[in-house]
């Protein structure tokens, strides 16, 4: 059993007891969250329900942790002008565990 759910503009294929990293959510650690944008659902790999544009189902999850991704270095340079800029960026994610698909 799996579902394709839209979480903050991105689509994820999730099953029960999956752990997924999604873009940062405002909820606290241990909070229960519900996502209502279920685009597709399948009880087995032979039958599918496809929404137009979404199904009337919910995916319930628990917030496990807030983490940061690895650092990405942004380097800009213009030759012969003495211009160099270095910046780093770490994207923030939330780890969630899928409890149920209803």
PDB file of N, CA and C in Angstrom:
ATOM      1  N   UNK A   1       0.843  -1.170   0.000  1.00  0.00           N
ATOM      2  CA  UNK A   1       0.000   0.000   0.000  1.00  0.00           C
ATOM      3  C   UNK A   1       0.892   1.238   0.000  1.00  0.00           C
ATOM      4  N   UNK A   2       0.598   2.155  -0.916  1.00  0.00           N
ATOM      5  CA  UNK A   2       1.347   3.398  -0.969  1.00  0.00           C
ATOM      6  C   UNK A   2       0.448   4.516  -1.469  1.00  0.00           C
ATOM      7  N   UNK A   3       0.921   5.735  -1.287  1.00  0.00           N
ATOM      8  CA  UNK A   3       0.204   6.914  -1.757  1.00  0.00           C
ATOM      9  C   UNK A   3       1.224   7.918  -2.263  1.00  0.00           C
ATOM     10  N   UNK A   4       0.798   8.727  -3.202  1.00  0.00           N
ATOM     11  CA  UNK A   4       1.612   9.841  -3.658  1.00  0.00           C
ATOM     12  C   UNK A   4       0.955  11.098  -3.110  1.00  0.00           C
ATOM     13  N   UNK A   5       1.710  11.825  -2.285  1.00  0.00           N
ATOM     14  CA  UNK A   5       1.156  12.964  -1.564  1.00  0.00           C
ATOM     15  C   UNK A   5       1.981  14.207  -1.877  1.00  0.00           C
ATOM     16  N   UNK A   6       1.296  15.343  -1.943  1.00  0.00           N
ATOM     17  CA  UNK A   6       1.937  16.618  -2.191  1.00  0.00           C
ATOM     18  C   UNK A   6       2.201  17.298  -0.843  1.00  0.00           C
ATOM     19  N   UNK A   7       3.483  17.510  -0.522  1.00  0.00           N
ATOM     20  CA  UNK A   7       3.877  18.158   0.723  1.00  0.00           C
ATOM     21  C   UNK A   7       4.721  19.370   0.371  1.00  0.00           C
ATOM     22  N   UNK A   8       4.191  20.555   0.635  1.00  0.00           N
ATOM     23  CA  UNK A   8       4.867  21.829   0.376  1.00  0.00           C
ATOM     24  C   UNK A   8       5.372  21.933  -1.062  1.00  0.00           C
ATOM     25  N   UNK A   9       4.539  21.537  -2.010  1.00  0.00           N
ATOM     26  CA  UNK A   9       4.875  21.712  -3.413  1.00  0.00           C
ATOM     27  C   UNK A   9       5.699  20.609  -4.033  1.00  0.00           C
ATOM     28  N   UNK A  10       6.022  19.571  -3.286  1.00  0.00           N
ATOM     29  CA  UNK A  10       6.792  18.445  -3.813  1.00  0.00           C
ATOM     30  C   UNK A  10       5.994  17.166  -3.616  1.00  0.00           C
ATOM     31  N   UNK A  11       6.167  16.226  -4.538  1.00  0.00           N
ATOM     32  CA  UNK A  11       5.413  14.984  -4.481  1.00  0.00           C
ATOM     33  C   UNK A  11       6.300  13.868  -3.936  1.00  0.00           C
ATOM     34  N   UNK A  12       5.739  13.103  -2.977  1.00  0.00           N
ATOM     35  CA  UNK A  12       6.469  12.013  -2.341  1.00  0.00           C
ATOM     36  C   UNK A  12       5.638  10.743  -2.422  1.00  0.00           C
ATOM     37  N   UNK A  13       6.308   9.623  -2.698  1.00  0.00           N
ATOM     38  CA  UNK A  13       5.666   8.312  -2.654  1.00  0.00           C
ATOM     39  C   UNK A  13       5.922   7.754  -1.257  1.00  0.00           C
ATOM     40  N   UNK A  14       4.837   7.561  -0.485  1.00  0.00           N
ATOM     41  CA  UNK A  14       4.981   7.151   0.907  1.00  0.00           C
ATOM     42  C   UNK A  14       4.162   5.901   1.188  1.00  0.00           C
ATOM     43  N   UNK A  15       4.629   5.120   2.135  1.00  0.00           N
ATOM     44  CA  UNK A  15       3.920   3.970   2.674  1.00  0.00           C
ATOM     45  C   UNK A  15       3.884   4.126   4.187  1.00  0.00           C
ATOM     46  N   UNK A  16       3.107   3.291   4.843  1.00  0.00           N
ATOM     47  CA  UNK A  16       3.067   3.356   6.301  1.00  0.00           C
ATOM     48  C   UNK A  16       4.419   2.970   6.870  1.00  0.00           C
ATOM     49  N   UNK A  17       4.815   3.634   7.932  1.00  0.00           N
ATOM     50  CA  UNK A  17       6.079   3.483   8.664  1.00  0.00           C
ATOM     51  C   UNK A  17       7.300   3.927   7.856  1.00  0.00           C
ATOM     52  N   UNK A  18       7.108   4.676   6.778  1.00  0.00           N
ATOM     53  CA  UNK A  18       8.232   5.273   6.052  1.00  0.00           C
ATOM     54  C   UNK A  18       8.733   6.503   6.789  1.00  0.00           C
ATOM     55  N   UNK A  19      10.020   6.768   6.656  1.00  0.00           N
ATOM     56  CA  UNK A  19      10.611   8.003   7.169  1.00  0.00           C
ATOM     57  C   UNK A  19      11.036   8.833   5.973  1.00  0.00           C
ATOM     58  N   UNK A  20      10.564  10.076   5.922  1.00  0.00           N
ATOM     59  CA  UNK A  20      10.772  10.935   4.764  1.00  0.00           C
ATOM     60  C   UNK A  20      11.301  12.285   5.238  1.00  0.00           C
ATOM     61  N   UNK A  21      12.240  12.846   4.479  1.00  0.00           N
ATOM     62  CA  UNK A  21      12.733  14.196   4.731  1.00  0.00           C
ATOM     63  C   UNK A  21      11.972  15.143   3.812  1.00  0.00           C
ATOM     64  N   UNK A  22      11.255  16.095   4.399  1.00  0.00           N
ATOM     65  CA  UNK A  22      10.462  17.064   3.651  1.00  0.00           C
ATOM     66  C   UNK A  22      10.987  18.457   3.974  1.00  0.00           C
ATOM     67  N   UNK A  23      10.656  19.460   3.148  1.00  0.00           N
ATOM     68  CA  UNK A  23      11.069  20.831   3.500  1.00  0.00           C
ATOM     69  C   UNK A  23      10.562  21.224   4.883  1.00  0.00           C
ATOM     70  N   UNK A  24      11.263  22.116   5.527  1.00  0.00           N
ATOM     71  CA  UNK A  24      11.036  22.469   6.932  1.00  0.00           C
ATOM     72  C   UNK A  24       9.572  22.781   7.233  1.00  0.00           C
ATOM     73  N   UNK A  25       9.025  22.105   8.242  1.00  0.00           N
ATOM     74  CA  UNK A  25       7.676  22.356   8.735  1.00  0.00           C
ATOM     75  C   UNK A  25       7.769  23.153  10.030  1.00  0.00           C
ATOM     76  N   UNK A  26       6.745  23.940  10.335  1.00  0.00           N
ATOM     77  CA  UNK A  26       6.752  24.780  11.533  1.00  0.00           C
ATOM     78  C   UNK A  26       6.377  24.009  12.790  1.00  0.00           C
ATOM     79  N   UNK A  27       5.909  22.777  12.658  1.00  0.00           N
ATOM     80  CA  UNK A  27       5.443  22.002  13.802  1.00  0.00           C
ATOM     81  C   UNK A  27       6.608  21.562  14.680  1.00  0.00           C
ATOM     82  N   UNK A  28       6.307  21.362  15.964  1.00  0.00           N
ATOM     83  CA  UNK A  28       7.319  20.932  16.931  1.00  0.00           C
ATOM     84  C   UNK A  28       7.597  19.440  16.797  1.00  0.00           C
ATOM     85  N   UNK A  29       8.713  19.019  17.383  1.00  0.00           N
ATOM     86  CA  UNK A  29       9.072  17.596  17.382  1.00  0.00           C
ATOM     87  C   UNK A  29       8.051  16.837  18.213  1.00  0.00           C
ATOM     88  N   UNK A  30       7.569  15.728  17.674  1.00  0.00           N
ATOM     89  CA  UNK A  30       6.563  14.920  18.341  1.00  0.00           C
ATOM     90  C   UNK A  30       5.137  15.275  17.960  1.00  0.00           C
ATOM     91  N   UNK A  31       4.955  16.339  17.188  1.00  0.00           N
ATOM     92  CA  UNK A  31       3.605  16.767  16.798  1.00  0.00           C
ATOM     93  C   UNK A  31       3.062  15.868  15.695  1.00  0.00           C
ATOM     94  N   UNK A  32       1.756  15.705  15.689  1.00  0.00           N
ATOM     95  CA  UNK A  32       1.075  14.952  14.642  1.00  0.00           C
ATOM     96  C   UNK A  32       0.680  15.934  13.541  1.00  0.00           C
ATOM     97  N   UNK A  33       0.998  15.590  12.287  1.00  0.00           N
ATOM     98  CA  UNK A  33       0.625  16.428  11.149  1.00  0.00           C
ATOM     99  C   UNK A  33      -0.191  15.598  10.171  1.00  0.00           C
ATOM    100  N   UNK A  34      -1.022  16.276   9.396  1.00  0.00           N
ATOM    101  CA  UNK A  34      -1.885  15.609   8.430  1.00  0.00           C
ATOM    102  C   UNK A  34      -1.751  16.309   7.094  1.00  0.00           C
ATOM    103  N   UNK A  35      -1.624  15.531   6.025  1.00  0.00           N
ATOM    104  CA  UNK A  35      -1.507  16.068   4.676  1.00  0.00           C
ATOM    105  C   UNK A  35      -2.707  15.590   3.875  1.00  0.00           C
ATOM    106  N   UNK A  36      -3.462  16.530   3.305  1.00  0.00           N
ATOM    107  CA  UNK A  36      -4.691  16.194   2.604  1.00  0.00           C
ATOM    108  C   UNK A  36      -4.571  16.156   1.096  1.00  0.00           C
ATOM    109  N   UNK A  37      -3.410  16.517   0.542  1.00  0.00           N
ATOM    110  CA  UNK A  37      -3.238  16.523  -0.907  1.00  0.00           C
ATOM    111  C   UNK A  37      -2.732  15.163  -1.396  1.00  0.00           C
ATOM    112  N   UNK A  38      -3.604  14.151  -1.354  1.00  0.00           N
ATOM    113  CA  UNK A  38      -3.247  12.820  -1.833  1.00  0.00           C
ATOM    114  C   UNK A  38      -3.610  12.757  -3.310  1.00  0.00           C
ATOM    115  N   UNK A  39      -2.608  12.554  -4.161  1.00  0.00           N
ATOM    116  CA  UNK A  39      -2.810  12.569  -5.603  1.00  0.00           C
ATOM    117  C   UNK A  39      -3.121  11.187  -6.164  1.00  0.00           C
ATOM    118  N   UNK A  40      -2.566  10.137  -5.525  1.00  0.00           N
ATOM    119  CA  UNK A  40      -2.799   8.769  -5.995  1.00  0.00           C
ATOM    120  C   UNK A  40      -2.696   7.817  -4.814  1.00  0.00           C
ATOM    121  N   UNK A  41      -3.470   6.726  -4.871  1.00  0.00           N
ATOM    122  CA  UNK A  41      -3.464   5.741  -3.799  1.00  0.00           C
ATOM    123  C   UNK A  41      -3.559   4.348  -4.406  1.00  0.00           C
ATOM    124  N   UNK A  42      -2.859   3.401  -3.799  1.00  0.00           N
ATOM    125  CA  UNK A  42      -2.893   2.020  -4.253  1.00  0.00           C
ATOM    126  C   UNK A  42      -2.851   1.086  -3.057  1.00  0.00           C
ATOM    127  N   UNK A  43      -3.835   0.176  -2.968  1.00  0.00           N
ATOM    128  CA  UNK A  43      -3.798  -0.841  -1.914  1.00  0.00           C
ATOM    129  C   UNK A  43      -2.820  -1.950  -2.256  1.00  0.00           C
ATOM    130  N   UNK A  44      -2.749  -2.293  -3.536  1.00  0.00           N
ATOM    131  CA  UNK A  44      -1.764  -3.250  -4.024  1.00  0.00           C
ATOM    132  C   UNK A  44      -1.184  -2.677  -5.309  1.00  0.00           C
ATOM    133  N   UNK A  45      -0.272  -3.395  -5.934  1.00  0.00           N
ATOM    134  CA  UNK A  45       0.365  -2.861  -7.136  1.00  0.00           C
ATOM    135  C   UNK A  45      -0.468  -3.065  -8.397  1.00  0.00           C
ATOM    136  N   UNK A  46      -1.697  -3.556  -8.267  1.00  0.00           N
ATOM    137  CA  UNK A  46      -2.520  -3.835  -9.446  1.00  0.00           C
ATOM    138  C   UNK A  46      -3.669  -2.853  -9.624  1.00  0.00           C
ATOM    139  N   UNK A  47      -4.155  -2.256  -8.539  1.00  0.00           N
ATOM    140  CA  UNK A  47      -5.276  -1.324  -8.646  1.00  0.00           C
ATOM    141  C   UNK A  47      -4.852   0.038  -8.098  1.00  0.00           C
ATOM    142  N   UNK A  48      -5.276   1.090  -8.794  1.00  0.00           N
ATOM    143  CA  UNK A  48      -4.887   2.448  -8.433  1.00  0.00           C
ATOM    144  C   UNK A  48      -6.112   3.351  -8.396  1.00  0.00           C
ATOM    145  N   UNK A  49      -6.085   4.318  -7.505  1.00  0.00           N
ATOM    146  CA  UNK A  49      -7.062   5.392  -7.497  1.00  0.00           C
ATOM    147  C   UNK A  49      -6.301   6.679  -7.783  1.00  0.00           C
ATOM    148  N   UNK A  50      -6.724   7.369  -8.831  1.00  0.00           N
ATOM    149  CA  UNK A  50      -6.049   8.598  -9.226  1.00  0.00           C
ATOM    150  C   UNK A  50      -7.021   9.747  -9.035  1.00  0.00           C
ATOM    151  N   UNK A  51      -6.588  10.793  -8.359  1.00  0.00           N
ATOM    152  CA  UNK A  51      -7.435  11.943  -8.092  1.00  0.00           C
ATOM    153  C   UNK A  51      -7.492  12.899  -9.268  1.00  0.00           C
ATOM    154  N   UNK A  52      -8.555  13.674  -9.304  1.00  0.00           N
ATOM    155  CA  UNK A  52      -8.686  14.682 -10.346  1.00  0.00           C
ATOM    156  C   UNK A  52      -9.104  15.998  -9.706  1.00  0.00           C
ATOM    157  N   UNK A  53      -8.262  16.800  -9.110  1.00  0.00           N
ATOM    158  CA  UNK A  53      -6.815  16.673  -8.998  1.00  0.00           C
ATOM    159  C   UNK A  53      -6.340  15.916  -7.759  1.00  0.00           C
ATOM    160  N   UNK A  54      -7.206  15.726  -6.736  1.00  0.00           N
ATOM    161  CA  UNK A  54      -6.744  14.987  -5.561  1.00  0.00           C
ATOM    162  C   UNK A  54      -7.865  14.144  -4.989  1.00  0.00           C
ATOM    163  N   UNK A  55      -7.486  13.185  -4.135  1.00  0.00           N
ATOM    164  CA  UNK A  55      -8.434  12.272  -3.507  1.00  0.00           C
ATOM    165  C   UNK A  55      -8.865  12.816  -2.146  1.00  0.00           C
ATOM    166  N   UNK A  56      -9.981  12.307  -1.647  1.00  0.00           N
ATOM    167  CA  UNK A  56     -10.466  12.734  -0.328  1.00  0.00           C
ATOM    168  C   UNK A  56      -9.902  11.814   0.744  1.00  0.00           C
ATOM    169  N   UNK A  57      -8.580  11.795   0.855  1.00  0.00           N
ATOM    170  CA  UNK A  57      -7.874  10.972   1.836  1.00  0.00           C
ATOM    171  C   UNK A  57      -6.901  11.862   2.594  1.00  0.00           C
ATOM    172  N   UNK A  58      -6.386  11.335   3.702  1.00  0.00           N
ATOM    173  CA  UNK A  58      -5.385  12.031   4.502  1.00  0.00           C
ATOM    174  C   UNK A  58      -4.221  11.109   4.791  1.00  0.00           C
ATOM    175  N   UNK A  59      -3.043  11.683   4.845  1.00  0.00           N
ATOM    176  CA  UNK A  59      -1.839  10.981   5.281  1.00  0.00           C
ATOM    177  C   UNK A  59      -1.441  11.608   6.602  1.00  0.00           C
ATOM    178  N   UNK A  60      -1.398  10.780   7.645  1.00  0.00           N
ATOM    179  CA  UNK A  60      -1.039  11.276   8.976  1.00  0.00           C
ATOM    180  C   UNK A  60       0.395  10.881   9.294  1.00  0.00           C
ATOM    181  N   UNK A  61       1.130  11.821   9.889  1.00  0.00           N
ATOM    182  CA  UNK A  61       2.541  11.600  10.168  1.00  0.00           C
ATOM    183  C   UNK A  61       2.917  12.241  11.498  1.00  0.00           C
ATOM    184  N   UNK A  62       4.089  11.848  12.000  1.00  0.00           N
ATOM    185  CA  UNK A  62       4.653  12.400  13.225  1.00  0.00           C
ATOM    186  C   UNK A  62       5.978  13.068  12.888  1.00  0.00           C
ATOM    187  N   UNK A  63       6.198  14.263  13.429  1.00  0.00           N
ATOM    188  CA  UNK A  63       7.460  14.975  13.230  1.00  0.00           C
ATOM    189  C   UNK A  63       8.507  14.350  14.146  1.00  0.00           C
ATOM    190  N   UNK A  64       9.605  13.875  13.547  1.00  0.00           N
ATOM    191  CA  UNK A  64      10.657  13.228  14.329  1.00  0.00           C
ATOM    192  C   UNK A  64      11.807  14.176  14.660  1.00  0.00           C
ATOM    193  N   UNK A  65      12.211  14.987  13.679  1.00  0.00           N
ATOM    194  CA  UNK A  65      13.426  15.764  13.881  1.00  0.00           C
ATOM    195  C   UNK A  65      13.486  16.896  12.859  1.00  0.00           C
ATOM    196  N   UNK A  66      14.197  17.963  13.195  1.00  0.00           N
ATOM    197  CA  UNK A  66      14.514  19.031  12.255  1.00  0.00           C
ATOM    198  C   UNK A  66      16.015  18.971  12.005  1.00  0.00           C
ATOM    199  N   UNK A  67      16.420  18.861  10.740  1.00  0.00           N
ATOM    200  CA  UNK A  67      17.828  18.710  10.395  1.00  0.00           C
ATOM    201  C   UNK A  67      18.195  19.682   9.278  1.00  0.00           C
ATOM    202  N   UNK A  68      19.511  19.819   9.067  1.00  0.00           N
ATOM    203  CA  UNK A  68      20.026  20.622   7.964  1.00  0.00           C
ATOM    204  C   UNK A  68      20.771  19.707   7.008  1.00  0.00           C
ATOM    205  N   UNK A  69      20.714  20.054   5.726  1.00  0.00           N
ATOM    206  CA  UNK A  69      21.418  19.298   4.694  1.00  0.00           C
ATOM    207  C   UNK A  69      22.903  19.679   4.724  1.00  0.00           C
ATOM    208  N   UNK A  70      23.683  19.031   3.895  1.00  0.00           N
ATOM    209  CA  UNK A  70      25.094  19.360   3.807  1.00  0.00           C
ATOM    210  C   UNK A  70      25.268  20.748   3.206  1.00  0.00           C
ATOM    211  N   UNK A  71      26.388  21.368   3.521  1.00  0.00           N
ATOM    212  CA  UNK A  71      26.633  22.734   3.067  1.00  0.00           C
ATOM    213  C   UNK A  71      26.932  22.760   1.567  1.00  0.00           C
ATOM    214  N   UNK A  72      26.317  23.729   0.897  1.00  0.00           N
ATOM    215  CA  UNK A  72      26.563  23.971  -0.521  1.00  0.00           C
ATOM    216  C   UNK A  72      27.310  25.290  -0.614  1.00  0.00           C
ATOM    217  N   UNK A  73      28.452  25.291  -1.293  1.00  0.00           N
ATOM    218  CA  UNK A  73      29.271  26.490  -1.430  1.00  0.00           C
ATOM    219  C   UNK A  73      28.880  27.212  -2.717  1.00  0.00           C
ATOM    220  N   UNK A  74      28.595  28.508  -2.594  1.00  0.00           N
ATOM    221  CA  UNK A  74      28.297  29.353  -3.750  1.00  0.00           C
ATOM    222  C   UNK A  74      29.484  30.284  -3.923  1.00  0.00           C
ATOM    223  N   UNK A  75      30.172  30.192  -5.065  1.00  0.00           N
ATOM    224  CA  UNK A  75      31.365  30.995  -5.310  1.00  0.00           C
ATOM    225  C   UNK A  75      31.174  31.789  -6.594  1.00  0.00           C
ATOM    226  N   UNK A  76      31.367  33.106  -6.512  1.00  0.00           N
ATOM    227  CA  UNK A  76      31.257  33.981  -7.680  1.00  0.00           C
ATOM    228  C   UNK A  76      32.593  34.662  -7.903  1.00  0.00           C
ATOM    229  N   UNK A  77      32.954  34.810  -9.172  1.00  0.00           N
ATOM    230  CA  UNK A  77      34.219  35.469  -9.483  1.00  0.00           C
ATOM    231  C   UNK A  77      34.112  36.112 -10.860  1.00  0.00           C
ATOM    232  N   UNK A  78      34.697  37.309 -10.968  1.00  0.00           N
ATOM    233  CA  UNK A  78      34.850  37.952 -12.270  1.00  0.00           C
ATOM    234  C   UNK A  78      36.340  38.133 -12.505  1.00  0.00           C
ATOM    235  N   UNK A  79      36.809  37.579 -13.576  1.00  0.00           N
ATOM    236  CA  UNK A  79      38.255  37.586 -13.782  1.00  0.00           C
ATOM    237  C   UNK A  79      38.786  38.989 -14.071  1.00  0.00           C
ATOM    238  N   UNK A  80      39.980  39.208 -13.591  1.00  0.00           N
ATOM    239  CA  UNK A  80      40.728  40.457 -13.759  1.00  0.00           C
ATOM    240  C   UNK A  80      40.053  41.672 -13.130  1.00  0.00           C
ATOM    241  N   UNK A  81      39.091  41.499 -12.256  1.00  0.00           N
ATOM    242  CA  UNK A  81      38.412  42.633 -11.632  1.00  0.00           C
ATOM    243  C   UNK A  81      38.586  42.645 -10.112  1.00  0.00           C
ATOM    244  N   UNK A  82      39.151  41.586  -9.569  1.00  0.00           N
ATOM    245  CA  UNK A  82      39.329  41.519  -8.128  1.00  0.00           C
ATOM    246  C   UNK A  82      38.043  41.226  -7.375  1.00  0.00           C
ATOM    247  N   UNK A  83      37.062  40.653  -8.059  1.00  0.00           N
ATOM    248  CA  UNK A  83      35.756  40.385  -7.450  1.00  0.00           C
ATOM    249  C   UNK A  83      35.628  38.898  -7.149  1.00  0.00           C
ATOM    250  N   UNK A  84      35.519  38.565  -5.852  1.00  0.00           N
ATOM    251  CA  UNK A  84      35.281  37.189  -5.427  1.00  0.00           C
ATOM    252  C   UNK A  84      34.305  37.210  -4.266  1.00  0.00           C
ATOM    253  N   UNK A  85      33.317  36.336  -4.281  1.00  0.00           N
ATOM    254  CA  UNK A  85      32.358  36.192  -3.180  1.00  0.00           C
ATOM    255  C   UNK A  85      32.155  34.715  -2.905  1.00  0.00           C
ATOM    256  N   UNK A  86      32.191  34.352  -1.654  1.00  0.00           N
ATOM    257  CA  UNK A  86      31.949  32.981  -1.237  1.00  0.00           C
ATOM    258  C   UNK A  86      30.836  32.990  -0.202  1.00  0.00           C
ATOM    259  N   UNK A  87      29.830  32.166  -0.438  1.00  0.00           N
ATOM    260  CA  UNK A  87      28.731  32.011   0.511  1.00  0.00           C
ATOM    261  C   UNK A  87      28.441  30.531   0.666  1.00  0.00           C
ATOM    262  N   UNK A  88      27.928  30.186   1.821  1.00  0.00           N
ATOM    263  CA  UNK A  88      27.504  28.813   2.065  1.00  0.00           C
ATOM    264  C   UNK A  88      26.019  28.777   2.371  1.00  0.00           C
ATOM    265  N   UNK A  89      25.392  27.644   2.077  1.00  0.00           N
ATOM    266  CA  UNK A  89      23.959  27.495   2.337  1.00  0.00           C
ATOM    267  C   UNK A  89      23.693  26.074   2.807  1.00  0.00           C
ATOM    268  N   UNK A  90      22.843  25.955   3.849  1.00  0.00           N
ATOM    269  CA  UNK A  90      22.410  24.643   4.333  1.00  0.00           C
ATOM    270  C   UNK A  90      20.895  24.630   4.349  1.00  0.00           C
ATOM    271  N   UNK A  91      20.306  23.792   3.498  1.00  0.00           N
ATOM    272  CA  UNK A  91      18.856  23.694   3.404  1.00  0.00           C
ATOM    273  C   UNK A  91      18.308  22.995   4.638  1.00  0.00           C
ATOM    274  N   UNK A  92      17.175  23.471   5.165  1.00  0.00           N
ATOM    275  CA  UNK A  92      16.579  22.889   6.359  1.00  0.00           C
ATOM    276  C   UNK A  92      15.470  21.918   5.973  1.00  0.00           C
ATOM    277  N   UNK A  93      15.467  20.763   6.620  1.00  0.00           N
ATOM    278  CA  UNK A  93      14.484  19.723   6.371  1.00  0.00           C
ATOM    279  C   UNK A  93      13.856  19.268   7.681  1.00  0.00           C
ATOM    280  N   UNK A  94      12.703  18.617   7.568  1.00  0.00           N
ATOM    281  CA  UNK A  94      12.037  17.991   8.696  1.00  0.00           C
ATOM    282  C   UNK A  94      11.892  16.514   8.389  1.00  0.00           C
ATOM    283  N   UNK A  95      12.286  15.681   9.333  1.00  0.00           N
ATOM    284  CA  UNK A  95      12.120  14.232   9.172  1.00  0.00           C
ATOM    285  C   UNK A  95      10.771  13.841   9.767  1.00  0.00           C
ATOM    286  N   UNK A  96       9.941  13.178   8.952  1.00  0.00           N
ATOM    287  CA  UNK A  96       8.633  12.727   9.429  1.00  0.00           C
ATOM    288  C   UNK A  96       8.517  11.223   9.240  1.00  0.00           C
ATOM    289  N   UNK A  97       7.674  10.607  10.075  1.00  0.00           N
ATOM    290  CA  UNK A  97       7.362   9.181   9.938  1.00  0.00           C
ATOM    291  C   UNK A  97       5.881   9.061   9.628  1.00  0.00           C
ATOM    292  N   UNK A  98       5.553   8.324   8.580  1.00  0.00           N
ATOM    293  CA  UNK A  98       4.164   8.167   8.149  1.00  0.00           C
ATOM    294  C   UNK A  98       3.493   7.160   9.065  1.00  0.00           C
ATOM    295  N   UNK A  99       2.399   7.576   9.718  1.00  0.00           N
ATOM    296  CA  UNK A  99       1.663   6.701  10.623  1.00  0.00           C
ATOM    297  C   UNK A  99       0.556   5.938   9.912  1.00  0.00           C
ATOM    298  N   UNK A 100      -0.270   6.642   9.145  1.00  0.00           N
ATOM    299  CA  UNK A 100      -1.383   5.974   8.487  1.00  0.00           C
ATOM    300  C   UNK A 100      -1.784   6.729   7.237  1.00  0.00           C
ATOM    301  N   UNK A 101      -2.424   5.986   6.333  1.00  0.00           N
ATOM    302  CA  UNK A 101      -2.991   6.539   5.102  1.00  0.00           C
ATOM    303  C   UNK A 101      -4.471   6.196   5.143  1.00  0.00           C
ATOM    304  N   UNK A 102      -5.304   7.212   5.281  1.00  0.00           N
ATOM    305  CA  UNK A 102      -6.755   6.972   5.408  1.00  0.00           C
ATOM    306  C   UNK A 102      -7.488   7.683   4.293  1.00  0.00           C
TER     307      UNK A 102
END
